Amino acid sequence: MNHSARRGEKSELAVASELLAQGYGVSFPFGHNHQYDLIVDKDGSLYRVQVKTAKREGGNRFYVQADADAYDKTHVDLLAGYSEEKEPAFFIPIEETSGKRQRVTFTDLDQMGSDASRQRAHHISDYRFSEAIKRV
């Protein structure tokens, strides 16, 4: 049994469940020839989401391993990161991806020190689904 594939399927279902609980419509594409794992419906607008299992980088910082060049913005709108360790999922517009690691922190903003630290932190508050789709 491929544990990596099972972990990915679990992440996809967890992200879909979270979005459904927030009132969004969620569909799964048929087959495996798509760059996206989910289609999310928000008020009639559809967003294609590639789900990745997130890993802890240290402290309250999590990342998804995703080569930004592997996804075409004409086929994927958002990368979603899900970790069993931390809720909720985070969403990164594909246009904002660069490099291989896409990072988000869950540290409280008031515990981050300087304004400069807060601005470059990629804080979860900017990466919730409702916030991320504003930048798509």
Protein backbone atom coordinates (compact mmCIF):
# COMPACT_ATOMS: atom_id res chain seq x y z
CA MET A 1 0.00 0.00 0.00
CA ASN A 2 1.33 3.44 -0.95
CA HIS A 3 1.26 5.43 2.31
CA SER A 4 2.09 8.69 0.52
CA ALA A 5 -0.98 8.33 -1.72
CA ARG A 6 -3.17 7.50 1.31
CA ARG A 7 -1.82 10.55 3.16
CA GLY A 8 -2.64 12.70 0.13
CA GLU A 9 -6.17 11.30 -0.11
CA LYS A 10 -6.70 11.97 3.59
CA SER A 11 -5.51 15.57 3.14
CA GLU A 12 -7.86 16.06 0.17
CA LEU A 13 -10.83 14.79 2.16
CA ALA A 14 -9.92 16.91 5.21
CA VAL A 15 -9.68 20.09 3.10
CA ALA A 16 -12.95 19.25 1.32
CA SER A 17 -14.66 18.62 4.67
CA GLU A 18 -13.38 21.91 6.10
CA LEU A 19 -14.63 23.85 3.07
CA LEU A 20 -18.02 22.10 3.16
CA ALA A 21 -18.36 23.00 6.85
CA GLN A 22 -17.80 26.64 5.88
CA GLY A 23 -20.67 26.47 3.38
CA TYR A 24 -18.76 26.11 0.11
CA GLY A 25 -19.64 23.57 -2.55
CA VAL A 26 -16.87 21.04 -3.26
CA SER A 27 -16.49 18.67 -6.20
CA PHE A 28 -13.84 16.11 -7.04
CA PRO A 29 -12.65 15.75 -10.64
CA PHE A 30 -13.08 12.31 -12.18
CA GLY A 31 -9.81 10.56 -12.99
CA HIS A 32 -6.21 11.47 -12.21
CA ASN A 33 -5.24 13.53 -15.26
CA HIS A 34 -5.87 16.89 -13.60
CA GLN A 35 -3.44 19.29 -11.97
CA TYR A 36 -6.08 20.02 -9.30
CA ASP A 37 -7.67 17.81 -6.64
CA LEU A 38 -10.81 19.80 -5.78
CA ILE A 39 -13.16 22.28 -7.38
CA VAL A 40 -14.61 24.74 -4.88
CA ASP A 41 -17.79 26.69 -5.61
CA LYS A 42 -18.16 30.05 -3.89
CA ASP A 43 -21.31 31.82 -5.00
CA GLY A 44 -21.07 30.43 -8.53
CA SER A 45 -17.34 31.11 -8.96
CA LEU A 46 -15.25 27.96 -9.31
CA TYR A 47 -11.71 27.58 -7.96
CA ARG A 48 -9.38 24.69 -8.80
CA VAL A 49 -7.35 23.57 -5.79
CA GLN A 50 -4.27 21.36 -5.63
CA VAL A 51 -4.01 19.86 -2.12
CA LYS A 52 -0.67 19.13 -0.48
CA THR A 53 0.08 17.56 2.88
CA ALA A 54 1.80 20.20 5.01
CA LYS A 55 4.78 19.55 7.24
CA ARG A 56 6.03 21.39 10.30
CA GLU A 57 9.09 23.50 9.60
CA GLY A 58 9.57 24.62 13.19
CA GLY A 59 7.47 26.24 15.86
CA ASN A 60 4.09 27.16 14.39
CA ARG A 61 5.36 27.35 10.81
CA PHE A 62 4.16 24.81 8.25
CA TYR A 63 5.02 24.33 4.60
CA VAL A 64 3.93 22.45 1.53
CA GLN A 65 6.51 21.04 -0.80
CA ALA A 66 5.42 22.15 -4.25
CA ASP A 67 7.53 23.14 -7.20
CA ALA A 68 5.84 26.31 -8.40
CA ASP A 69 6.73 25.50 -12.01
CA ALA A 70 4.84 22.20 -11.83
CA TYR A 71 1.45 23.92 -11.81
CA ASP A 72 0.04 26.03 -14.61
CA LYS A 73 -2.06 28.98 -13.47
CA THR A 74 -4.44 28.25 -16.34
CA HIS A 75 -5.20 24.89 -14.62
CA VAL A 76 -4.76 25.58 -10.87
CA ASP A 77 -5.95 28.57 -8.88
CA LEU A 78 -4.80 27.69 -5.37
CA LEU A 79 -2.48 25.35 -3.49
CA ALA A 80 -3.96 24.09 -0.22
CA GLY A 81 -1.86 22.87 2.68
CA TYR A 82 -3.27 20.52 5.30
CA SER A 83 -1.54 19.17 8.38
CA GLU A 84 -2.95 16.71 10.88
CA GLU A 85 -1.05 18.66 13.53
CA LYS A 86 -2.66 22.02 12.89
CA GLU A 87 -6.07 23.21 11.75
CA PRO A 88 -7.23 24.86 9.53
CA ALA A 89 -5.98 24.31 6.02
CA PHE A 90 -4.20 27.18 4.32
CA PHE A 91 -4.55 28.35 0.73
CA ILE A 92 -1.93 30.03 -1.45
CA PRO A 93 -2.87 31.59 -4.80
CA ILE A 94 -0.80 29.89 -7.49
CA GLU A 95 0.47 33.29 -8.68
CA GLU A 96 2.09 33.79 -5.25
CA THR A 97 4.04 30.55 -5.28
CA SER A 98 7.75 30.61 -5.82
CA GLY A 99 10.42 28.04 -5.20
CA LYS A 100 9.64 24.64 -3.74
CA ARG A 101 8.51 25.41 -0.18
CA GLN A 102 5.38 27.47 0.38
CA ARG A 103 5.27 28.54 4.03
CA VAL A 104 2.55 29.77 6.41
CA THR A 105 2.79 30.52 10.12
CA PHE A 106 0.11 30.00 12.76
CA THR A 107 1.92 32.09 15.42
CA ASP A 108 -0.27 34.78 16.98
CA LEU A 109 0.47 38.14 15.38
CA ASP A 110 0.98 39.84 18.74
CA GLN A 111 3.76 37.35 19.53
CA MET A 112 5.74 38.05 16.37
CA GLY A 113 7.76 41.06 17.48
CA SER A 114 8.29 43.76 14.88
CA ASP A 115 5.93 44.93 12.15
CA ALA A 116 8.53 43.80 9.60
CA SER A 117 8.40 40.25 11.02
CA ARG A 118 4.62 40.24 10.84
CA GLN A 119 4.63 41.47 7.23
CA ARG A 120 6.95 38.74 5.94
CA ALA A 121 5.47 35.97 8.11
CA HIS A 122 2.85 34.65 5.67
CA HIS A 123 0.37 34.56 8.54
CA ILE A 124 -2.57 32.15 8.40
CA SER A 125 -5.04 35.06 8.59
CA ASP A 126 -4.04 35.97 5.00
CA TYR A 127 -4.23 32.35 3.82
CA ARG A 128 -7.71 31.27 4.79
CA PHE A 129 -9.78 30.33 1.74
CA SER A 130 -11.95 33.47 1.89
CA GLU A 131 -8.86 35.70 2.01
CA ALA A 132 -6.78 33.82 -0.57
CA ILE A 133 -9.48 33.90 -3.27
CA LYS A 134 -9.52 37.70 -3.08
CA ARG A 135 -6.01 37.56 -4.58
CA VAL A 136 -6.81 35.05 -7.36
